[in-house]
């Protein structure tokens, strides 16, 4: 009887132990699914945040590409226009055949006030020469404005603005034929002075504005600018710095894969 009593006691204790173990396992499993449910909610929140970051990064990069495309398009337009007008002036023949009739003046009297207005007229040949120079000056000024307006984009663009602004170094020479230079290198034409210079000293006008003058300088600047084109607008990495790199880590597939492996490890740890 004693043996049976001991056996029954052992059985009873074993039953109680097994029952407690089963309850502990059930509690662990319940806790596991509870923790996993919390993880799912937290993961959903995290993924929602990542999606928002990813959307913002995509929007930022899209804006960057639009800005870069607009910059390059305007750059190409300016360089092409300046190249064409410079080529035309470079070899232009400024000699006027009919010098006597190249510049004429007409007086007009107002019948009511008696005020006399004098109008300067240019022959077709001279007007053609003036228009050719005007086109070069207009395109040169447009290029200077483009680089000055975008000088904050990069140091290279800022240096390009300085390069195109070098007309100030020859301001007195340009002014001798009717071209006034401003502090930023842009040019204003004194039309009447230029017309007289063309009529009276076409060789000087050719030297100052032709292949050895403004037109030649313009062509040289265009060539230099074109060689720098790919480096003028900075890369997205240079423009936005480490912030872009950090954002790309949190939106890339590598991060999502790392997160998935980490979560799997956490799930395994909860089970053992």
C-alpha atoms as a PDB file:
ATOM      1  CA  UNK A   1       0.000   0.000   0.000  1.00  0.00           C
ATOM      2  CA  UNK A   2       2.874   2.281   0.765  1.00  0.00           C
ATOM      3  CA  UNK A   3       4.296   1.663  -2.656  1.00  0.00           C
ATOM      4  CA  UNK A   4       0.973   2.387  -4.301  1.00  0.00           C
ATOM      5  CA  UNK A   5       0.616   5.485  -2.246  1.00  0.00           C
ATOM      6  CA  UNK A   6       4.024   6.650  -3.347  1.00  0.00           C
ATOM      7  CA  UNK A   7       3.167   5.774  -6.962  1.00  0.00           C
ATOM      8  CA  UNK A   8      -0.070   7.641  -6.811  1.00  0.00           C
ATOM      9  CA  UNK A   9       1.681  10.564  -5.260  1.00  0.00           C
ATOM     10  CA  UNK A  10       4.290  10.584  -7.991  1.00  0.00           C
ATOM     11  CA  UNK A  11       1.642  10.348 -10.642  1.00  0.00           C
ATOM     12  CA  UNK A  12      -0.259  13.174  -9.062  1.00  0.00           C
ATOM     13  CA  UNK A  13       2.784  15.396  -8.924  1.00  0.00           C
ATOM     14  CA  UNK A  14       3.657  14.542 -12.519  1.00  0.00           C
ATOM     15  CA  UNK A  15       0.146  15.408 -13.612  1.00  0.00           C
ATOM     16  CA  UNK A  16       0.326  18.732 -11.846  1.00  0.00           C
ATOM     17  CA  UNK A  17       3.735  19.451 -13.371  1.00  0.00           C
ATOM     18  CA  UNK A  18       2.547  18.564 -16.868  1.00  0.00           C
ATOM     19  CA  UNK A  19      -0.563  20.657 -16.409  1.00  0.00           C
ATOM     20  CA  UNK A  20       1.504  23.657 -15.310  1.00  0.00           C
ATOM     21  CA  UNK A  21       3.878  23.156 -18.251  1.00  0.00           C
ATOM     22  CA  UNK A  22       0.985  22.982 -20.711  1.00  0.00           C
ATOM     23  CA  UNK A  23      -0.505  26.152 -19.265  1.00  0.00           C
ATOM     24  CA  UNK A  24       2.872  27.872 -19.540  1.00  0.00           C
ATOM     25  CA  UNK A  25       3.188  26.815 -23.193  1.00  0.00           C
ATOM     26  CA  UNK A  26      -0.325  28.034 -23.910  1.00  0.00           C
ATOM     27  CA  UNK A  27       0.473  31.342 -22.237  1.00  0.00           C
ATOM     28  CA  UNK A  28       3.685  31.571 -24.273  1.00  0.00           C
ATOM     29  CA  UNK A  29       1.817  30.885 -27.501  1.00  0.00           C
ATOM     30  CA  UNK A  30      -0.852  33.431 -26.605  1.00  0.00           C
ATOM     31  CA  UNK A  31       1.869  35.936 -25.809  1.00  0.00           C
ATOM     32  CA  UNK A  32       3.577  35.057 -29.098  1.00  0.00           C
ATOM     33  CA  UNK A  33       0.517  35.849 -31.171  1.00  0.00           C
ATOM     34  CA  UNK A  34      -0.156  38.944 -29.095  1.00  0.00           C
ATOM     35  CA  UNK A  35       3.390  40.158 -29.683  1.00  0.00           C
ATOM     36  CA  UNK A  36       3.173  39.242 -33.345  1.00  0.00           C
ATOM     37  CA  UNK A  37      -0.052  41.227 -33.665  1.00  0.00           C
ATOM     38  CA  UNK A  38       1.699  44.229 -32.107  1.00  0.00           C
ATOM     39  CA  UNK A  39       4.602  43.728 -34.486  1.00  0.00           C
ATOM     40  CA  UNK A  40       2.219  43.720 -37.458  1.00  0.00           C
ATOM     41  CA  UNK A  41       0.687  46.990 -36.319  1.00  0.00           C
ATOM     42  CA  UNK A  42       4.090  48.543 -35.731  1.00  0.00           C
ATOM     43  CA  UNK A  43       5.370  47.207 -39.042  1.00  0.00           C
ATOM     44  CA  UNK A  44       2.364  48.637 -40.864  1.00  0.00           C
ATOM     45  CA  UNK A  45       3.013  52.024 -39.250  1.00  0.00           C
ATOM     46  CA  UNK A  46       6.712  51.822 -40.130  1.00  0.00           C
ATOM     47  CA  UNK A  47       5.997  50.821 -43.721  1.00  0.00           C
ATOM     48  CA  UNK A  48       3.521  53.676 -43.988  1.00  0.00           C
ATOM     49  CA  UNK A  49       6.280  56.040 -42.892  1.00  0.00           C
ATOM     50  CA  UNK A  50       8.711  54.497 -45.362  1.00  0.00           C
ATOM     51  CA  UNK A  51       6.152  54.861 -48.130  1.00  0.00           C
ATOM     52  CA  UNK A  52       5.810  58.555 -47.313  1.00  0.00           C
ATOM     53  CA  UNK A  53       9.603  58.995 -47.312  1.00  0.00           C
ATOM     54  CA  UNK A  54       9.832  57.130 -50.608  1.00  0.00           C
ATOM     55  CA  UNK A  55       7.122  59.334 -52.125  1.00  0.00           C
ATOM     56  CA  UNK A  56       8.926  62.481 -50.952  1.00  0.00           C
ATOM     57  CA  UNK A  57      12.246  61.252 -52.320  1.00  0.00           C
ATOM     58  CA  UNK A  58      10.668  60.411 -55.672  1.00  0.00           C
ATOM     59  CA  UNK A  59       9.035  63.847 -55.775  1.00  0.00           C
ATOM     60  CA  UNK A  60      12.335  65.535 -54.903  1.00  0.00           C
ATOM     61  CA  UNK A  61      14.251  63.615 -57.563  1.00  0.00           C
ATOM     62  CA  UNK A  62      11.523  64.337 -60.109  1.00  0.00           C
ATOM     63  CA  UNK A  63      11.811  68.066 -59.362  1.00  0.00           C
ATOM     64  CA  UNK A  64      15.586  67.779 -59.623  1.00  0.00           C
ATOM     65  CA  UNK A  65      15.349  66.137 -63.059  1.00  0.00           C
ATOM     66  CA  UNK A  66      12.892  68.811 -64.234  1.00  0.00           C
ATOM     67  CA  UNK A  67      15.204  71.590 -63.045  1.00  0.00           C
ATOM     68  CA  UNK A  68      18.239  69.963 -64.644  1.00  0.00           C
ATOM     69  CA  UNK A  69      16.386  69.446 -67.921  1.00  0.00           C
ATOM     70  CA  UNK A  70      15.191  73.077 -67.949  1.00  0.00           C
ATOM     71  CA  UNK A  71      18.718  74.308 -67.184  1.00  0.00           C
ATOM     72  CA  UNK A  72      20.286  72.232 -69.964  1.00  0.00           C
ATOM     73  CA  UNK A  73      17.593  73.232 -72.445  1.00  0.00           C
ATOM     74  CA  UNK A  74      18.085  76.958 -71.766  1.00  0.00           C
ATOM     75  CA  UNK A  75      21.854  76.469 -71.822  1.00  0.00           C
ATOM     76  CA  UNK A  76      21.669  74.837 -75.266  1.00  0.00           C
ATOM     77  CA  UNK A  77      19.410  77.577 -76.640  1.00  0.00           C
ATOM     78  CA  UNK A  78      21.717  80.349 -75.452  1.00  0.00           C
ATOM     79  CA  UNK A  79      24.919  78.713 -76.654  1.00  0.00           C
ATOM     80  CA  UNK A  80      23.436  77.847 -80.055  1.00  0.00           C
ATOM     81  CA  UNK A  81      22.077  81.361 -80.620  1.00  0.00           C
ATOM     82  CA  UNK A  82      25.329  83.020 -79.538  1.00  0.00           C
ATOM     83  CA  UNK A  83      27.397  80.658 -81.652  1.00  0.00           C
ATOM     84  CA  UNK A  84      25.385  81.534 -84.774  1.00  0.00           C
ATOM     85  CA  UNK A  85      25.426  85.312 -84.256  1.00  0.00           C
ATOM     86  CA  UNK A  86      29.143  85.277 -83.400  1.00  0.00           C
ATOM     87  CA  UNK A  87      29.958  83.288 -86.536  1.00  0.00           C
ATOM     88  CA  UNK A  88      28.083  85.841 -88.610  1.00  0.00           C
ATOM     89  CA  UNK A  89      29.912  88.861 -87.135  1.00  0.00           C
ATOM     90  CA  UNK A  90      33.307  87.141 -87.140  1.00  0.00           C
ATOM     91  CA  UNK A  91      33.678  87.285 -90.911  1.00  0.00           C
ATOM     92  CA  UNK A  92      31.281  90.143 -91.632  1.00  0.00           C
ATOM     93  CA  UNK A  93      32.304  92.741 -94.204  1.00  0.00           C
ATOM     94  CA  UNK A  94      31.586  96.102 -92.575  1.00  0.00           C
ATOM     95  CA  UNK A  95      32.642  98.159 -95.596  1.00  0.00           C
ATOM     96  CA  UNK A  96      29.787 100.323 -96.861  1.00  0.00           C
ATOM     97  CA  UNK A  97      29.774 101.115-100.586  1.00  0.00           C
ATOM     98  CA  UNK A  98      27.727 104.316-100.506  1.00  0.00           C
ATOM     99  CA  UNK A  99      29.201 106.083 -97.520  1.00  0.00           C
ATOM    100  CA  UNK A 100      27.687 109.439 -98.441  1.00  0.00           C
ATOM    101  CA  UNK A 101      24.132 108.119 -98.384  1.00  0.00           C
ATOM    102  CA  UNK A 102      24.594 105.622 -95.561  1.00  0.00           C
ATOM    103  CA  UNK A 103      23.465 108.059 -92.874  1.00  0.00           C
ATOM    104  CA  UNK A 104      20.848 110.722 -93.536  1.00  0.00           C
ATOM    105  CA  UNK A 105      18.778 112.913 -91.263  1.00  0.00           C
ATOM    106  CA  UNK A 106      15.214 114.063 -91.675  1.00  0.00           C
ATOM    107  CA  UNK A 107      13.676 117.034 -89.839  1.00  0.00           C
ATOM    108  CA  UNK A 108       9.982 116.970 -89.037  1.00  0.00           C
ATOM    109  CA  UNK A 109       8.167 120.056 -87.708  1.00  0.00           C
ATOM    110  CA  UNK A 110       5.102 119.745 -85.497  1.00  0.00           C
ATOM    111  CA  UNK A 111       2.418 122.073 -86.990  1.00  0.00           C
ATOM    112  CA  UNK A 112       0.874 122.903 -83.623  1.00  0.00           C
ATOM    113  CA  UNK A 113       3.943 123.421 -81.449  1.00  0.00           C
ATOM    114  CA  UNK A 114       6.504 124.189 -84.110  1.00  0.00           C
ATOM    115  CA  UNK A 115       8.876 121.708 -82.467  1.00  0.00           C
ATOM    116  CA  UNK A 116      11.414 120.189 -84.866  1.00  0.00           C
ATOM    117  CA  UNK A 117      12.242 116.473 -84.518  1.00  0.00           C
ATOM    118  CA  UNK A 118      15.323 115.085 -86.228  1.00  0.00           C
ATOM    119  CA  UNK A 119      15.259 111.447 -87.311  1.00  0.00           C
ATOM    120  CA  UNK A 120      18.396 109.550 -88.259  1.00  0.00           C
ATOM    121  CA  UNK A 121      18.010 107.175 -91.176  1.00  0.00           C
ATOM    122  CA  UNK A 122      20.348 104.399 -92.278  1.00  0.00           C
ATOM    123  CA  UNK A 123      20.750 102.837 -95.675  1.00  0.00           C
ATOM    124  CA  UNK A 124      19.688  99.240 -96.106  1.00  0.00           C
ATOM    125  CA  UNK A 125      23.324  98.113 -96.230  1.00  0.00           C
ATOM    126  CA  UNK A 126      24.243  99.961 -93.048  1.00  0.00           C
ATOM    127  CA  UNK A 127      21.067  98.849 -91.294  1.00  0.00           C
ATOM    128  CA  UNK A 128      21.985  95.253 -92.142  1.00  0.00           C
ATOM    129  CA  UNK A 129      25.397  95.720 -90.506  1.00  0.00           C
ATOM    130  CA  UNK A 130      23.835  97.315 -87.429  1.00  0.00           C
ATOM    131  CA  UNK A 131      21.295  94.503 -87.089  1.00  0.00           C
ATOM    132  CA  UNK A 132      24.067  91.890 -87.318  1.00  0.00           C
ATOM    133  CA  UNK A 133      25.936  93.512 -84.432  1.00  0.00           C
ATOM    134  CA  UNK A 134      22.688  93.929 -82.477  1.00  0.00           C
ATOM    135  CA  UNK A 135      21.987  90.194 -82.755  1.00  0.00           C
ATOM    136  CA  UNK A 136      25.425  89.356 -81.368  1.00  0.00           C
ATOM    137  CA  UNK A 137      25.033  91.786 -78.487  1.00  0.00           C
ATOM    138  CA  UNK A 138      21.528  90.519 -77.705  1.00  0.00           C
ATOM    139  CA  UNK A 139      22.663  86.879 -77.634  1.00  0.00           C
ATOM    140  CA  UNK A 140      25.768  87.726 -75.624  1.00  0.00           C
ATOM    141  CA  UNK A 141      23.691  89.624 -73.054  1.00  0.00           C
ATOM    142  CA  UNK A 142      21.213  86.744 -72.897  1.00  0.00           C
ATOM    143  CA  UNK A 143      24.035  84.304 -72.131  1.00  0.00           C
ATOM    144  CA  UNK A 144      25.444  86.548 -69.415  1.00  0.00           C
ATOM    145  CA  UNK A 145      21.997  86.855 -67.849  1.00  0.00           C
ATOM    146  CA  UNK A 146      21.511  83.071 -67.978  1.00  0.00           C
ATOM    147  CA  UNK A 147      24.742  82.371 -66.116  1.00  0.00           C
ATOM    148  CA  UNK A 148      24.217  85.210 -63.632  1.00  0.00           C
ATOM    149  CA  UNK A 149      20.645  84.091 -62.897  1.00  0.00           C
ATOM    150  CA  UNK A 150      21.875  80.530 -62.257  1.00  0.00           C
ATOM    151  CA  UNK A 151      25.149  81.387 -60.519  1.00  0.00           C
ATOM    152  CA  UNK A 152      23.859  79.929 -57.226  1.00  0.00           C
ATOM    153  CA  UNK A 153      23.405  76.495 -58.839  1.00  0.00           C
ATOM    154  CA  UNK A 154      27.110  75.671 -58.666  1.00  0.00           C
ATOM    155  CA  UNK A 155      30.585  77.179 -58.481  1.00  0.00           C
ATOM    156  CA  UNK A 156      31.158  76.180 -62.105  1.00  0.00           C
ATOM    157  CA  UNK A 157      28.154  78.207 -63.274  1.00  0.00           C
ATOM    158  CA  UNK A 158      29.352  81.143 -61.175  1.00  0.00           C
ATOM    159  CA  UNK A 159      32.777  80.936 -62.828  1.00  0.00           C
ATOM    160  CA  UNK A 160      31.105  80.747 -66.235  1.00  0.00           C
ATOM    161  CA  UNK A 161      29.301  84.028 -65.484  1.00  0.00           C
ATOM    162  CA  UNK A 162      32.685  85.573 -64.694  1.00  0.00           C
ATOM    163  CA  UNK A 163      34.133  84.184 -67.934  1.00  0.00           C
ATOM    164  CA  UNK A 164      31.393  85.735 -70.078  1.00  0.00           C
ATOM    165  CA  UNK A 165      31.676  88.976 -68.123  1.00  0.00           C
ATOM    166  CA  UNK A 166      35.246  89.600 -69.310  1.00  0.00           C
ATOM    167  CA  UNK A 167      34.074  92.301 -71.747  1.00  0.00           C
ATOM    168  CA  UNK A 168      34.779  94.767 -68.937  1.00  0.00           C
ATOM    169  CA  UNK A 169      38.509  94.274 -69.534  1.00  0.00           C
ATOM    170  CA  UNK A 170      38.189  95.730 -73.026  1.00  0.00           C
ATOM    171  CA  UNK A 171      35.464  98.250 -72.236  1.00  0.00           C
ATOM    172  CA  UNK A 172      37.361 101.253 -73.604  1.00  0.00           C
ATOM    173  CA  UNK A 173      38.019  99.479 -76.893  1.00  0.00           C
ATOM    174  CA  UNK A 174      34.404  98.418 -77.303  1.00  0.00           C
ATOM    175  CA  UNK A 175      33.198 101.866 -76.366  1.00  0.00           C
ATOM    176  CA  UNK A 176      35.323 103.384 -79.137  1.00  0.00           C
ATOM    177  CA  UNK A 177      32.968 101.767 -81.673  1.00  0.00           C
ATOM    178  CA  UNK A 178      29.743 102.451 -79.762  1.00  0.00           C
ATOM    179  CA  UNK A 179      29.434  99.497 -77.353  1.00  0.00           C
ATOM    180  CA  UNK A 180      29.151 100.326 -73.665  1.00  0.00           C
ATOM    181  CA  UNK A 181      29.831  97.584 -71.108  1.00  0.00           C
ATOM    182  CA  UNK A 182      28.169  97.290 -67.713  1.00  0.00           C
ATOM    183  CA  UNK A 183      29.787  95.941 -64.541  1.00  0.00           C
ATOM    184  CA  UNK A 184      28.445  92.425 -65.189  1.00  0.00           C
ATOM    185  CA  UNK A 185      29.836  92.393 -68.737  1.00  0.00           C
ATOM    186  CA  UNK A 186      26.545  93.015 -70.510  1.00  0.00           C
ATOM    187  CA  UNK A 187      26.632  95.410 -73.466  1.00  0.00           C
ATOM    188  CA  UNK A 188      24.529  98.387 -74.553  1.00  0.00           C
ATOM    189  CA  UNK A 189      24.750  99.772 -78.081  1.00  0.00           C
ATOM    190  CA  UNK A 190      25.003 103.451 -78.918  1.00  0.00           C
ATOM    191  CA  UNK A 191      23.484 102.947 -82.357  1.00  0.00           C
ATOM    192  CA  UNK A 192      24.461 106.275 -83.869  1.00  0.00           C
ATOM    193  CA  UNK A 193      28.063 105.999 -82.663  1.00  0.00           C
ATOM    194  CA  UNK A 194      28.323 102.447 -84.006  1.00  0.00           C
ATOM    195  CA  UNK A 195      26.847 103.525 -87.350  1.00  0.00           C
ATOM    196  CA  UNK A 196      29.418 106.291 -87.704  1.00  0.00           C
ATOM    197  CA  UNK A 197      32.220 103.915 -86.757  1.00  0.00           C
ATOM    198  CA  UNK A 198      31.110 101.438 -89.426  1.00  0.00           C
ATOM    199  CA  UNK A 199      30.938 104.132 -92.097  1.00  0.00           C
ATOM    200  CA  UNK A 200      34.173 105.930 -91.182  1.00  0.00           C
ATOM    201  CA  UNK A 201      36.426 103.085 -89.982  1.00  0.00           C
ATOM    202  CA  UNK A 202      35.059  99.640 -90.948  1.00  0.00           C
ATOM    203  CA  UNK A 203      38.476  98.012 -90.463  1.00  0.00           C
ATOM    204  CA  UNK A 204      38.556  99.056 -86.827  1.00  0.00           C
ATOM    205  CA  UNK A 205      35.013  97.790 -86.324  1.00  0.00           C
ATOM    206  CA  UNK A 206      36.083  94.440 -87.805  1.00  0.00           C
ATOM    207  CA  UNK A 207      39.073  94.243 -85.443  1.00  0.00           C
ATOM    208  CA  UNK A 208      37.060  95.174 -82.362  1.00  0.00           C
ATOM    209  CA  UNK A 209      33.987  93.085 -83.113  1.00  0.00           C
ATOM    210  CA  UNK A 210      35.217  90.398 -85.542  1.00  0.00           C
ATOM    211  CA  UNK A 211      37.257  87.211 -85.159  1.00  0.00           C
ATOM    212  CA  UNK A 212      39.928  88.956 -83.083  1.00  0.00           C
ATOM    213  CA  UNK A 213      37.376  90.876 -81.057  1.00  0.00           C
ATOM    214  CA  UNK A 214      33.978  90.329 -79.463  1.00  0.00           C
ATOM    215  CA  UNK A 215      32.785  87.649 -81.905  1.00  0.00           C
ATOM    216  CA  UNK A 216      35.979  85.634 -81.465  1.00  0.00           C
ATOM    217  CA  UNK A 217      35.717  85.920 -77.688  1.00  0.00           C
ATOM    218  CA  UNK A 218      32.098  84.823 -77.819  1.00  0.00           C
ATOM    219  CA  UNK A 219      32.969  81.729 -79.865  1.00  0.00           C
ATOM    220  CA  UNK A 220      35.773  80.862 -77.436  1.00  0.00           C
ATOM    221  CA  UNK A 221      33.446  81.229 -74.461  1.00  0.00           C
ATOM    222  CA  UNK A 222      30.768  79.089 -76.110  1.00  0.00           C
ATOM    223  CA  UNK A 223      33.308  76.352 -76.827  1.00  0.00           C
ATOM    224  CA  UNK A 224      34.505  76.414 -73.223  1.00  0.00           C
ATOM    225  CA  UNK A 225      30.938  76.399 -71.868  1.00  0.00           C
ATOM    226  CA  UNK A 226      29.992  73.420 -74.034  1.00  0.00           C
ATOM    227  CA  UNK A 227      33.010  71.494 -72.772  1.00  0.00           C
ATOM    228  CA  UNK A 228      31.799  72.106 -69.203  1.00  0.00           C
ATOM    229  CA  UNK A 229      28.129  71.383 -69.817  1.00  0.00           C
ATOM    230  CA  UNK A 230      27.978  67.998 -68.059  1.00  0.00           C
ATOM    231  CA  UNK A 231      29.597  69.466 -64.948  1.00  0.00           C
ATOM    232  CA  UNK A 232      27.686  72.731 -64.650  1.00  0.00           C
ATOM    233  CA  UNK A 233      24.513  71.381 -63.052  1.00  0.00           C
ATOM    234  CA  UNK A 234      25.474  69.406 -59.917  1.00  0.00           C
ATOM    235  CA  UNK A 235      24.429  65.807 -59.323  1.00  0.00           C
ATOM    236  CA  UNK A 236      21.502  65.130 -56.996  1.00  0.00           C
ATOM    237  CA  UNK A 237      23.965  63.749 -54.445  1.00  0.00           C
ATOM    238  CA  UNK A 238      26.025  66.956 -54.468  1.00  0.00           C
ATOM    239  CA  UNK A 239      22.947  69.169 -54.397  1.00  0.00           C
ATOM    240  CA  UNK A 240      21.134  67.421 -51.510  1.00  0.00           C
ATOM    241  CA  UNK A 241      24.116  65.864 -49.724  1.00  0.00           C
ATOM    242  CA  UNK A 242      23.854  63.149 -47.073  1.00  0.00           C
ATOM    243  CA  UNK A 243      20.115  63.632 -46.633  1.00  0.00           C
ATOM    244  CA  UNK A 244      19.488  61.951 -49.970  1.00  0.00           C
ATOM    245  CA  UNK A 245      21.793  59.039 -49.096  1.00  0.00           C
ATOM    246  CA  UNK A 246      20.048  58.540 -45.764  1.00  0.00           C
ATOM    247  CA  UNK A 247      16.612  58.641 -47.381  1.00  0.00           C
ATOM    248  CA  UNK A 248      17.681  56.121 -50.044  1.00  0.00           C
ATOM    249  CA  UNK A 249      18.777  53.664 -47.327  1.00  0.00           C
ATOM    250  CA  UNK A 250      15.377  53.756 -45.695  1.00  0.00           C
ATOM    251  CA  UNK A 251      13.488  53.389 -48.949  1.00  0.00           C
ATOM    252  CA  UNK A 252      15.640  50.796 -50.723  1.00  0.00           C
ATOM    253  CA  UNK A 253      15.009  47.063 -51.082  1.00  0.00           C
ATOM    254  CA  UNK A 254      18.118  46.318 -49.024  1.00  0.00           C
ATOM    255  CA  UNK A 255      16.551  47.964 -45.982  1.00  0.00           C
ATOM    256  CA  UNK A 256      13.287  46.092 -46.473  1.00  0.00           C
ATOM    257  CA  UNK A 257      15.175  42.804 -46.778  1.00  0.00           C
ATOM    258  CA  UNK A 258      17.139  43.572 -43.632  1.00  0.00           C
ATOM    259  CA  UNK A 259      13.917  44.431 -41.818  1.00  0.00           C
ATOM    260  CA  UNK A 260      12.295  41.171 -42.929  1.00  0.00           C
ATOM    261  CA  UNK A 261      15.275  39.098 -41.698  1.00  0.00           C
ATOM    262  CA  UNK A 262      15.361  40.973 -38.406  1.00  0.00           C
ATOM    263  CA  UNK A 263      11.651  40.432 -37.843  1.00  0.00           C
ATOM    264  CA  UNK A 264      12.004  36.725 -38.640  1.00  0.00           C
ATOM    265  CA  UNK A 265      14.760  36.506 -36.033  1.00  0.00           C
ATOM    266  CA  UNK A 266      12.563  38.247 -33.477  1.00  0.00           C
ATOM    267  CA  UNK A 267       9.740  35.839 -34.232  1.00  0.00           C
ATOM    268  CA  UNK A 268      12.043  32.814 -33.738  1.00  0.00           C
ATOM    269  CA  UNK A 269      13.363  34.268 -30.486  1.00  0.00           C
ATOM    270  CA  UNK A 270       9.810  34.570 -29.146  1.00  0.00           C
ATOM    271  CA  UNK A 271       9.142  30.919 -29.890  1.00  0.00           C
ATOM    272  CA  UNK A 272      12.129  29.529 -27.913  1.00  0.00           C
END
